Amino acid sequence: MQEIYDPNLSEPQHEAAFFYGLFIRGVPLQKLREDIDVPPEVLERWQRQALLDPWYQVAVDRILTYRKHVLAIFDSLVFQEMDPPPTIQ
């Protein structure tokens, strides 16, 4: 399948960095993770709709992949900050 270029879905690093900035400013980690991820009730509604429209399924798959990628980058930024730097002796 040919990859479709969508400028709105091209830079998950930028979106993850935005959420990381909110985390640095004190927004709770769990709240941000919920905002990045797709809630189960929304996913269920999308999947029902995708049964009726195969093109919709392609869009759902792309959105889910993108959201999971943003979440993974965000988590790596947060947990990187939580790890203490190595001490040099």
PDB file of N, CA and C in Angstrom:
ATOM      1  N   MET A   1       0.837  -1.181   0.000  1.00  0.00           N
ATOM      2  CA  MET A   1       0.000   0.000   0.000  1.00  0.00           C
ATOM      3  C   MET A   1       0.884   1.247   0.000  1.00  0.00           C
ATOM      4  N   GLN A   2       0.537   2.205  -0.789  1.00  0.00           N
ATOM      5  CA  GLN A   2       1.315   3.422  -0.906  1.00  0.00           C
ATOM      6  C   GLN A   2       1.111   4.298   0.321  1.00  0.00           C
ATOM      7  N   GLU A   3       2.213   4.846   0.840  1.00  0.00           N
ATOM      8  CA  GLU A   3       2.155   5.730   1.994  1.00  0.00           C
ATOM      9  C   GLU A   3       1.674   7.102   1.541  1.00  0.00           C
ATOM     10  N   ILE A   4       0.691   7.648   2.240  1.00  0.00           N
ATOM     11  CA  ILE A   4       0.136   8.956   1.902  1.00  0.00           C
ATOM     12  C   ILE A   4       0.805   9.997   2.799  1.00  0.00           C
ATOM     13  N   TYR A   5       1.316  11.071   2.198  1.00  0.00           N
ATOM     14  CA  TYR A   5       1.947  12.128   2.980  1.00  0.00           C
ATOM     15  C   TYR A   5       0.870  13.016   3.564  1.00  0.00           C
ATOM     16  N   ASP A   6       0.908  13.174   4.856  1.00  0.00           N
ATOM     17  CA  ASP A   6      -0.013  14.068   5.545  1.00  0.00           C
ATOM     18  C   ASP A   6       0.821  14.943   6.474  1.00  0.00           C
ATOM     19  N   PRO A   7       0.908  16.242   6.199  1.00  0.00           N
ATOM     20  CA  PRO A   7       1.762  17.096   7.016  1.00  0.00           C
ATOM     21  C   PRO A   7       1.332  17.133   8.481  1.00  0.00           C
ATOM     22  N   ASN A   8       0.093  16.824   8.768  1.00  0.00           N
ATOM     23  CA  ASN A   8      -0.376  16.827  10.142  1.00  0.00           C
ATOM     24  C   ASN A   8       0.046  15.577  10.908  1.00  0.00           C
ATOM     25  N   LEU A   9       0.482  14.551  10.213  1.00  0.00           N
ATOM     26  CA  LEU A   9       0.891  13.309  10.868  1.00  0.00           C
ATOM     27  C   LEU A   9       2.360  12.991  10.602  1.00  0.00           C
ATOM     28  N   SER A  10       3.155  14.013  10.302  1.00  0.00           N
ATOM     29  CA  SER A  10       4.527  13.743   9.901  1.00  0.00           C
ATOM     30  C   SER A  10       5.548  13.881  11.020  1.00  0.00           C
ATOM     31  N   GLU A  11       5.211  14.540  12.088  1.00  0.00           N
ATOM     32  CA  GLU A  11       6.210  14.802  13.114  1.00  0.00           C
ATOM     33  C   GLU A  11       5.708  14.471  14.520  1.00  0.00           C
ATOM     34  N   PRO A  12       5.661  13.202  14.865  1.00  0.00           N
ATOM     35  CA  PRO A  12       5.228  12.860  16.230  1.00  0.00           C
ATOM     36  C   PRO A  12       6.185  13.393  17.289  1.00  0.00           C
ATOM     37  N   GLN A  13       7.451  13.640  16.901  1.00  0.00           N
ATOM     38  CA  GLN A  13       8.417  14.177  17.851  1.00  0.00           C
ATOM     39  C   GLN A  13       7.993  15.567  18.331  1.00  0.00           C
ATOM     40  N   HIS A  14       7.444  16.372  17.429  1.00  0.00           N
ATOM     41  CA  HIS A  14       7.003  17.717  17.797  1.00  0.00           C
ATOM     42  C   HIS A  14       5.847  17.651  18.795  1.00  0.00           C
ATOM     43  N   GLU A  15       4.917  16.773  18.521  1.00  0.00           N
ATOM     44  CA  GLU A  15       3.771  16.652  19.422  1.00  0.00           C
ATOM     45  C   GLU A  15       4.206  16.103  20.778  1.00  0.00           C
ATOM     46  N   ALA A  16       5.085  15.116  20.775  1.00  0.00           N
ATOM     47  CA  ALA A  16       5.589  14.563  22.035  1.00  0.00           C
ATOM     48  C   ALA A  16       6.326  15.641  22.823  1.00  0.00           C
ATOM     49  N   ALA A  17       7.108  16.474  22.133  1.00  0.00           N
ATOM     50  CA  ALA A  17       7.833  17.557  22.795  1.00  0.00           C
ATOM     51  C   ALA A  17       6.869  18.571  23.397  1.00  0.00           C
ATOM     52  N   PHE A  18       5.769  18.838  22.704  1.00  0.00           N
ATOM     53  CA  PHE A  18       4.748  19.747  23.239  1.00  0.00           C
ATOM     54  C   PHE A  18       4.200  19.210  24.555  1.00  0.00           C
ATOM     55  N   PHE A  19       3.821  17.927  24.572  1.00  0.00           N
ATOM     56  CA  PHE A  19       3.286  17.335  25.790  1.00  0.00           C
ATOM     57  C   PHE A  19       4.344  17.271  26.891  1.00  0.00           C
ATOM     58  N   TYR A  20       5.598  17.044  26.509  1.00  0.00           N
ATOM     59  CA  TYR A  20       6.682  17.028  27.478  1.00  0.00           C
ATOM     60  C   TYR A  20       6.835  18.406  28.126  1.00  0.00           C
ATOM     61  N   GLY A  21       6.686  19.449  27.336  1.00  0.00           N
ATOM     62  CA  GLY A  21       6.726  20.809  27.881  1.00  0.00           C
ATOM     63  C   GLY A  21       5.634  21.025  28.910  1.00  0.00           C
ATOM     64  N   LEU A  22       4.458  20.479  28.650  1.00  0.00           N
ATOM     65  CA  LEU A  22       3.367  20.581  29.627  1.00  0.00           C
ATOM     66  C   LEU A  22       3.714  19.819  30.908  1.00  0.00           C
ATOM     67  N   PHE A  23       4.351  18.660  30.746  1.00  0.00           N
ATOM     68  CA  PHE A  23       4.776  17.869  31.897  1.00  0.00           C
ATOM     69  C   PHE A  23       5.780  18.649  32.746  1.00  0.00           C
ATOM     70  N   ILE A  24       6.744  19.290  32.092  1.00  0.00           N
ATOM     71  CA  ILE A  24       7.750  20.088  32.793  1.00  0.00           C
ATOM     72  C   ILE A  24       7.083  21.229  33.560  1.00  0.00           C
ATOM     73  N   ARG A  25       5.983  21.738  33.039  1.00  0.00           N
ATOM     74  CA  ARG A  25       5.270  22.852  33.685  1.00  0.00           C
ATOM     75  C   ARG A  25       4.317  22.384  34.783  1.00  0.00           C
ATOM     76  N   GLY A  26       4.265  21.069  35.029  1.00  0.00           N
ATOM     77  CA  GLY A  26       3.504  20.581  36.172  1.00  0.00           C
ATOM     78  C   GLY A  26       2.201  19.871  35.883  1.00  0.00           C
ATOM     79  N   VAL A  27       1.856  19.682  34.620  1.00  0.00           N
ATOM     80  CA  VAL A  27       0.637  18.933  34.307  1.00  0.00           C
ATOM     81  C   VAL A  27       0.898  17.466  34.680  1.00  0.00           C
ATOM     82  N   PRO A  28      -0.060  16.817  35.374  1.00  0.00           N
ATOM     83  CA  PRO A  28       0.156  15.429  35.821  1.00  0.00           C
ATOM     84  C   PRO A  28       0.431  14.465  34.658  1.00  0.00           C
ATOM     85  N   LEU A  29       1.382  13.571  34.901  1.00  0.00           N
ATOM     86  CA  LEU A  29       1.803  12.600  33.893  1.00  0.00           C
ATOM     87  C   LEU A  29       0.628  11.785  33.363  1.00  0.00           C
ATOM     88  N   GLN A  30      -0.197  11.246  34.252  1.00  0.00           N
ATOM     89  CA  GLN A  30      -1.296  10.392  33.812  1.00  0.00           C
ATOM     90  C   GLN A  30      -2.299  11.159  32.949  1.00  0.00           C
ATOM     91  N   LYS A  31      -2.556  12.419  33.284  1.00  0.00           N
ATOM     92  CA  LYS A  31      -3.472  13.247  32.494  1.00  0.00           C
ATOM     93  C   LYS A  31      -2.925  13.421  31.069  1.00  0.00           C
ATOM     94  N   LEU A  32      -1.627  13.667  30.959  1.00  0.00           N
ATOM     95  CA  LEU A  32      -1.023  13.839  29.635  1.00  0.00           C
ATOM     96  C   LEU A  32      -1.053  12.544  28.837  1.00  0.00           C
ATOM     97  N   ARG A  33      -0.763  11.427  29.505  1.00  0.00           N
ATOM     98  CA  ARG A  33      -0.797  10.132  28.808  1.00  0.00           C
ATOM     99  C   ARG A  33      -2.210   9.837  28.292  1.00  0.00           C
ATOM    100  N   GLU A  34      -3.228  10.192  29.077  1.00  0.00           N
ATOM    101  CA  GLU A  34      -4.612   9.999  28.641  1.00  0.00           C
ATOM    102  C   GLU A  34      -4.944  10.898  27.456  1.00  0.00           C
ATOM    103  N   ASP A  35      -4.414  12.116  27.468  1.00  0.00           N
ATOM    104  CA  ASP A  35      -4.667  13.043  26.357  1.00  0.00           C
ATOM    105  C   ASP A  35      -3.998  12.579  25.061  1.00  0.00           C
ATOM    106  N   ILE A  36      -2.850  11.942  25.185  1.00  0.00           N
ATOM    107  CA  ILE A  36      -2.135  11.474  23.992  1.00  0.00           C
ATOM    108  C   ILE A  36      -2.788  10.216  23.419  1.00  0.00           C
ATOM    109  N   ASP A  37      -3.153   9.284  24.276  1.00  0.00           N
ATOM    110  CA  ASP A  37      -3.697   8.004  23.837  1.00  0.00           C
ATOM    111  C   ASP A  37      -5.148   8.151  23.368  1.00  0.00           C
ATOM    112  N   VAL A  38      -5.653   7.147  22.700  1.00  0.00           N
ATOM    113  CA  VAL A  38      -7.052   7.117  22.255  1.00  0.00           C
ATOM    114  C   VAL A  38      -7.860   6.363  23.312  1.00  0.00           C
ATOM    115  N   PRO A  39      -8.874   7.003  23.905  1.00  0.00           N
ATOM    116  CA  PRO A  39      -9.682   6.328  24.931  1.00  0.00           C
ATOM    117  C   PRO A  39     -10.380   5.086  24.361  1.00  0.00           C
ATOM    118  N   PRO A  40     -10.553   4.051  25.194  1.00  0.00           N
ATOM    119  CA  PRO A  40     -11.166   2.803  24.712  1.00  0.00           C
ATOM    120  C   PRO A  40     -12.554   2.999  24.090  1.00  0.00           C
ATOM    121  N   GLU A  41     -13.361   3.886  24.655  1.00  0.00           N
ATOM    122  CA  GLU A  41     -14.709   4.083  24.103  1.00  0.00           C
ATOM    123  C   GLU A  41     -14.650   4.733  22.719  1.00  0.00           C
ATOM    124  N   VAL A  42     -13.686   5.590  22.483  1.00  0.00           N
ATOM    125  CA  VAL A  42     -13.514   6.203  21.166  1.00  0.00           C
ATOM    126  C   VAL A  42     -13.022   5.148  20.180  1.00  0.00           C
ATOM    127  N   LEU A  43     -12.048   4.360  20.604  1.00  0.00           N
ATOM    128  CA  LEU A  43     -11.520   3.296  19.743  1.00  0.00           C
ATOM    129  C   LEU A  43     -12.623   2.323  19.349  1.00  0.00           C
ATOM    130  N   GLU A  44     -13.473   1.969  20.288  1.00  0.00           N
ATOM    131  CA  GLU A  44     -14.581   1.053  19.993  1.00  0.00           C
ATOM    132  C   GLU A  44     -15.527   1.653  18.951  1.00  0.00           C
ATOM    133  N   ARG A  45     -15.830   2.931  19.084  1.00  0.00           N
ATOM    134  CA  ARG A  45     -16.715   3.611  18.131  1.00  0.00           C
ATOM    135  C   ARG A  45     -16.061   3.651  16.747  1.00  0.00           C
ATOM    136  N   TRP A  46     -14.769   3.943  16.701  1.00  0.00           N
ATOM    137  CA  TRP A  46     -14.054   3.971  15.423  1.00  0.00           C
ATOM    138  C   TRP A  46     -14.060   2.600  14.775  1.00  0.00           C
ATOM    139  N   GLN A  47     -13.858   1.563  15.558  1.00  0.00           N
ATOM    140  CA  GLN A  47     -13.815   0.208  15.007  1.00  0.00           C
ATOM    141  C   GLN A  47     -15.177  -0.221  14.471  1.00  0.00           C
ATOM    142  N   ARG A  48     -16.246   0.186  15.126  1.00  0.00           N
ATOM    143  CA  ARG A  48     -17.589  -0.116  14.599  1.00  0.00           C
ATOM    144  C   ARG A  48     -17.795   0.574  13.254  1.00  0.00           C
ATOM    145  N   GLN A  49     -17.382   1.835  13.179  1.00  0.00           N
ATOM    146  CA  GLN A  49     -17.516   2.581  11.928  1.00  0.00           C
ATOM    147  C   GLN A  49     -16.655   1.958  10.826  1.00  0.00           C
ATOM    148  N   ALA A  50     -15.481   1.468  11.188  1.00  0.00           N
ATOM    149  CA  ALA A  50     -14.559   0.883  10.208  1.00  0.00           C
ATOM    150  C   ALA A  50     -15.120  -0.392   9.596  1.00  0.00           C
ATOM    151  N   LEU A  51     -15.994  -1.073  10.300  1.00  0.00           N
ATOM    152  CA  LEU A  51     -16.625  -2.269   9.731  1.00  0.00           C
ATOM    153  C   LEU A  51     -17.471  -1.923   8.514  1.00  0.00           C
ATOM    154  N   LEU A  52     -17.994  -0.707   8.492  1.00  0.00           N
ATOM    155  CA  LEU A  52     -18.853  -0.272   7.396  1.00  0.00           C
ATOM    156  C   LEU A  52     -18.074   0.359   6.245  1.00  0.00           C
ATOM    157  N   ASP A  53     -16.857   0.797   6.512  1.00  0.00           N
ATOM    158  CA  ASP A  53     -16.097   1.532   5.511  1.00  0.00           C
ATOM    159  C   ASP A  53     -14.622   1.142   5.579  1.00  0.00           C
ATOM    160  N   PRO A  54     -14.143   0.370   4.596  1.00  0.00           N
ATOM    161  CA  PRO A  54     -12.744  -0.070   4.630  1.00  0.00           C
ATOM    162  C   PRO A  54     -11.741   1.077   4.607  1.00  0.00           C
ATOM    163  N   TRP A  55     -12.062   2.182   3.947  1.00  0.00           N
ATOM    164  CA  TRP A  55     -11.154   3.330   3.945  1.00  0.00           C
ATOM    165  C   TRP A  55     -11.037   3.937   5.331  1.00  0.00           C
ATOM    166  N   TYR A  56     -12.109   3.870   6.062  1.00  0.00           N
ATOM    167  CA  TYR A  56     -12.103   4.391   7.436  1.00  0.00           C
ATOM    168  C   TYR A  56     -11.141   3.561   8.284  1.00  0.00           C
ATOM    169  N   GLN A  57     -11.072   2.268   8.029  1.00  0.00           N
ATOM    170  CA  GLN A  57     -10.158   1.397   8.767  1.00  0.00           C
ATOM    171  C   GLN A  57      -8.712   1.808   8.538  1.00  0.00           C
ATOM    172  N   VAL A  58      -8.382   2.186   7.315  1.00  0.00           N
ATOM    173  CA  VAL A  58      -7.030   2.647   7.004  1.00  0.00           C
ATOM    174  C   VAL A  58      -6.710   3.899   7.826  1.00  0.00           C
ATOM    175  N   ALA A  59      -7.653   4.818   7.889  1.00  0.00           N
ATOM    176  CA  ALA A  59      -7.449   6.047   8.664  1.00  0.00           C
ATOM    177  C   ALA A  59      -7.291   5.743  10.145  1.00  0.00           C
ATOM    178  N   VAL A  60      -8.121   4.859  10.663  1.00  0.00           N
ATOM    179  CA  VAL A  60      -8.040   4.475  12.082  1.00  0.00           C
ATOM    180  C   VAL A  60      -6.673   3.863  12.388  1.00  0.00           C
ATOM    181  N   ASP A  61      -6.221   2.984  11.518  1.00  0.00           N
ATOM    182  CA  ASP A  61      -4.910   2.356  11.727  1.00  0.00           C
ATOM    183  C   ASP A  61      -3.791   3.399  11.749  1.00  0.00           C
ATOM    184  N   ARG A  62      -3.839   4.346  10.838  1.00  0.00           N
ATOM    185  CA  ARG A  62      -2.810   5.402  10.794  1.00  0.00           C
ATOM    186  C   ARG A  62      -2.859   6.265  12.046  1.00  0.00           C
ATOM    187  N   ILE A  63      -4.047   6.635  12.474  1.00  0.00           N
ATOM    188  CA  ILE A  63      -4.183   7.473  13.669  1.00  0.00           C
ATOM    189  C   ILE A  63      -3.665   6.736  14.896  1.00  0.00           C
ATOM    190  N   LEU A  64      -4.045   5.477  15.049  1.00  0.00           N
ATOM    191  CA  LEU A  64      -3.592   4.700  16.209  1.00  0.00           C
ATOM    192  C   LEU A  64      -2.078   4.533  16.218  1.00  0.00           C
ATOM    193  N   THR A  65      -1.509   4.258  15.067  1.00  0.00           N
ATOM    194  CA  THR A  65      -0.053   4.119  14.973  1.00  0.00           C
ATOM    195  C   THR A  65       0.628   5.430  15.371  1.00  0.00           C
ATOM    196  N   TYR A  66       0.109   6.521  14.876  1.00  0.00           N
ATOM    197  CA  TYR A  66       0.664   7.838  15.188  1.00  0.00           C
ATOM    198  C   TYR A  66       0.560   8.136  16.685  1.00  0.00           C
ATOM    199  N   ARG A  67      -0.619   7.917  17.267  1.00  0.00           N
ATOM    200  CA  ARG A  67      -0.826   8.219  18.699  1.00  0.00           C
ATOM    201  C   ARG A  67       0.103   7.365  19.561  1.00  0.00           C
ATOM    202  N   LYS A  68       0.258   6.093  19.211  1.00  0.00           N
ATOM    203  CA  LYS A  68       1.148   5.204  19.981  1.00  0.00           C
ATOM    204  C   LYS A  68       2.597   5.654  19.846  1.00  0.00           C
ATOM    205  N   HIS A  69       2.962   6.134  18.673  1.00  0.00           N
ATOM    206  CA  HIS A  69       4.323   6.634  18.457  1.00  0.00           C
ATOM    207  C   HIS A  69       4.571   7.885  19.305  1.00  0.00           C
ATOM    208  N   VAL A  70       3.624   8.810  19.313  1.00  0.00           N
ATOM    209  CA  VAL A  70       3.746  10.011  20.145  1.00  0.00           C
ATOM    210  C   VAL A  70       3.874   9.614  21.614  1.00  0.00           C
ATOM    211  N   LEU A  71       3.047   8.677  22.049  1.00  0.00           N
ATOM    212  CA  LEU A  71       3.083   8.234  23.445  1.00  0.00           C
ATOM    213  C   LEU A  71       4.429   7.601  23.789  1.00  0.00           C
ATOM    214  N   ALA A  72       4.976   6.804  22.894  1.00  0.00           N
ATOM    215  CA  ALA A  72       6.272   6.165  23.147  1.00  0.00           C
ATOM    216  C   ALA A  72       7.387   7.207  23.255  1.00  0.00           C
ATOM    217  N   ILE A  73       7.371   8.188  22.380  1.00  0.00           N
ATOM    218  CA  ILE A  73       8.384   9.243  22.443  1.00  0.00           C
ATOM    219  C   ILE A  73       8.231  10.044  23.729  1.00  0.00           C
ATOM    220  N   PHE A  74       6.999  10.397  24.065  1.00  0.00           N
ATOM    221  CA  PHE A  74       6.738  11.143  25.299  1.00  0.00           C
ATOM    222  C   PHE A  74       7.232  10.364  26.511  1.00  0.00           C
ATOM    223  N   ASP A  75       6.894   9.081  26.580  1.00  0.00           N
ATOM    224  CA  ASP A  75       7.346   8.254  27.703  1.00  0.00           C
ATOM    225  C   ASP A  75       8.860   8.216  27.794  1.00  0.00           C
ATOM    226  N   SER A  76       9.523   8.111  26.649  1.00  0.00           N
ATOM    227  CA  SER A  76      10.992   8.057  26.685  1.00  0.00           C
ATOM    228  C   SER A  76      11.566   9.371  27.206  1.00  0.00           C
ATOM    229  N   LEU A  77      10.964  10.491  26.844  1.00  0.00           N
ATOM    230  CA  LEU A  77      11.425  11.787  27.354  1.00  0.00           C
ATOM    231  C   LEU A  77      11.226  11.886  28.861  1.00  0.00           C
ATOM    232  N   VAL A  78      10.066  11.460  29.333  1.00  0.00           N
ATOM    233  CA  VAL A  78       9.760  11.539  30.766  1.00  0.00           C
ATOM    234  C   VAL A  78      10.672  10.618  31.559  1.00  0.00           C
ATOM    235  N   PHE A  79      10.812   9.383  31.121  1.00  0.00           N
ATOM    236  CA  PHE A  79      11.593   8.423  31.891  1.00  0.00           C
ATOM    237  C   PHE A  79      13.084   8.713  31.790  1.00  0.00           C
ATOM    238  N   GLN A  80      13.515   9.348  30.717  1.00  0.00           N
ATOM    239  CA  GLN A  80      14.906   9.767  30.594  1.00  0.00           C
ATOM    240  C   GLN A  80      15.214  10.808  31.663  1.00  0.00           C
ATOM    241  N   GLU A  81      14.253  11.702  31.919  1.00  0.00           N
ATOM    242  CA  GLU A  81      14.450  12.725  32.947  1.00  0.00           C
ATOM    243  C   GLU A  81      14.454  12.118  34.342  1.00  0.00           C
ATOM    244  N   MET A  82      13.686  11.055  34.538  1.00  0.00           N
ATOM    245  CA  MET A  82      13.594  10.424  35.851  1.00  0.00           C
ATOM    246  C   MET A  82      14.853   9.637  36.215  1.00  0.00           C
ATOM    247  N   ASP A  83      15.577   9.149  35.195  1.00  0.00           N
ATOM    248  CA  ASP A  83      16.807   8.416  35.454  1.00  0.00           C
ATOM    249  C   ASP A  83      17.887   9.385  35.902  1.00  0.00           C
ATOM    250  N   PRO A  84      18.527   9.125  37.031  1.00  0.00           N
ATOM    251  CA  PRO A  84      19.597  10.026  37.450  1.00  0.00           C
ATOM    252  C   PRO A  84      20.794   9.902  36.509  1.00  0.00           C
ATOM    253  N   PRO A  85      21.482  11.002  36.277  1.00  0.00           N
ATOM    254  CA  PRO A  85      22.661  10.923  35.398  1.00  0.00           C
ATOM    255  C   PRO A  85      23.743  10.069  36.041  1.00  0.00           C
ATOM    256  N   PRO A  86      24.517   9.393  35.225  1.00  0.00           N
ATOM    257  CA  PRO A  86      25.583   8.572  35.796  1.00  0.00           C
ATOM    258  C   PRO A  86      26.638   9.444  36.475  1.00  0.00           C
ATOM    259  N   THR A  87      27.142   8.965  37.589  1.00  0.00           N
ATOM    260  CA  THR A  87      28.171   9.725  38.302  1.00  0.00           C
ATOM    261  C   THR A  87      29.535   9.373  37.724  1.00  0.00           C
ATOM    262  N   ILE A  88      30.331  10.372  37.551  1.00  0.00           N
ATOM    263  CA  ILE A  88      31.682  10.182  37.021  1.00  0.00           C
ATOM    264  C   ILE A  88      32.636  10.198  38.205  1.00  0.00           C
ATOM    265  N   GLN A  89      33.459   9.180  38.277  1.00  0.00           N
ATOM    266  CA  GLN A  89      34.372   9.071  39.412  1.00  0.00           C
ATOM    267  C   GLN A  89      35.768   9.420  39.001  1.00  0.00           C
TER     268      GLN A  89
END
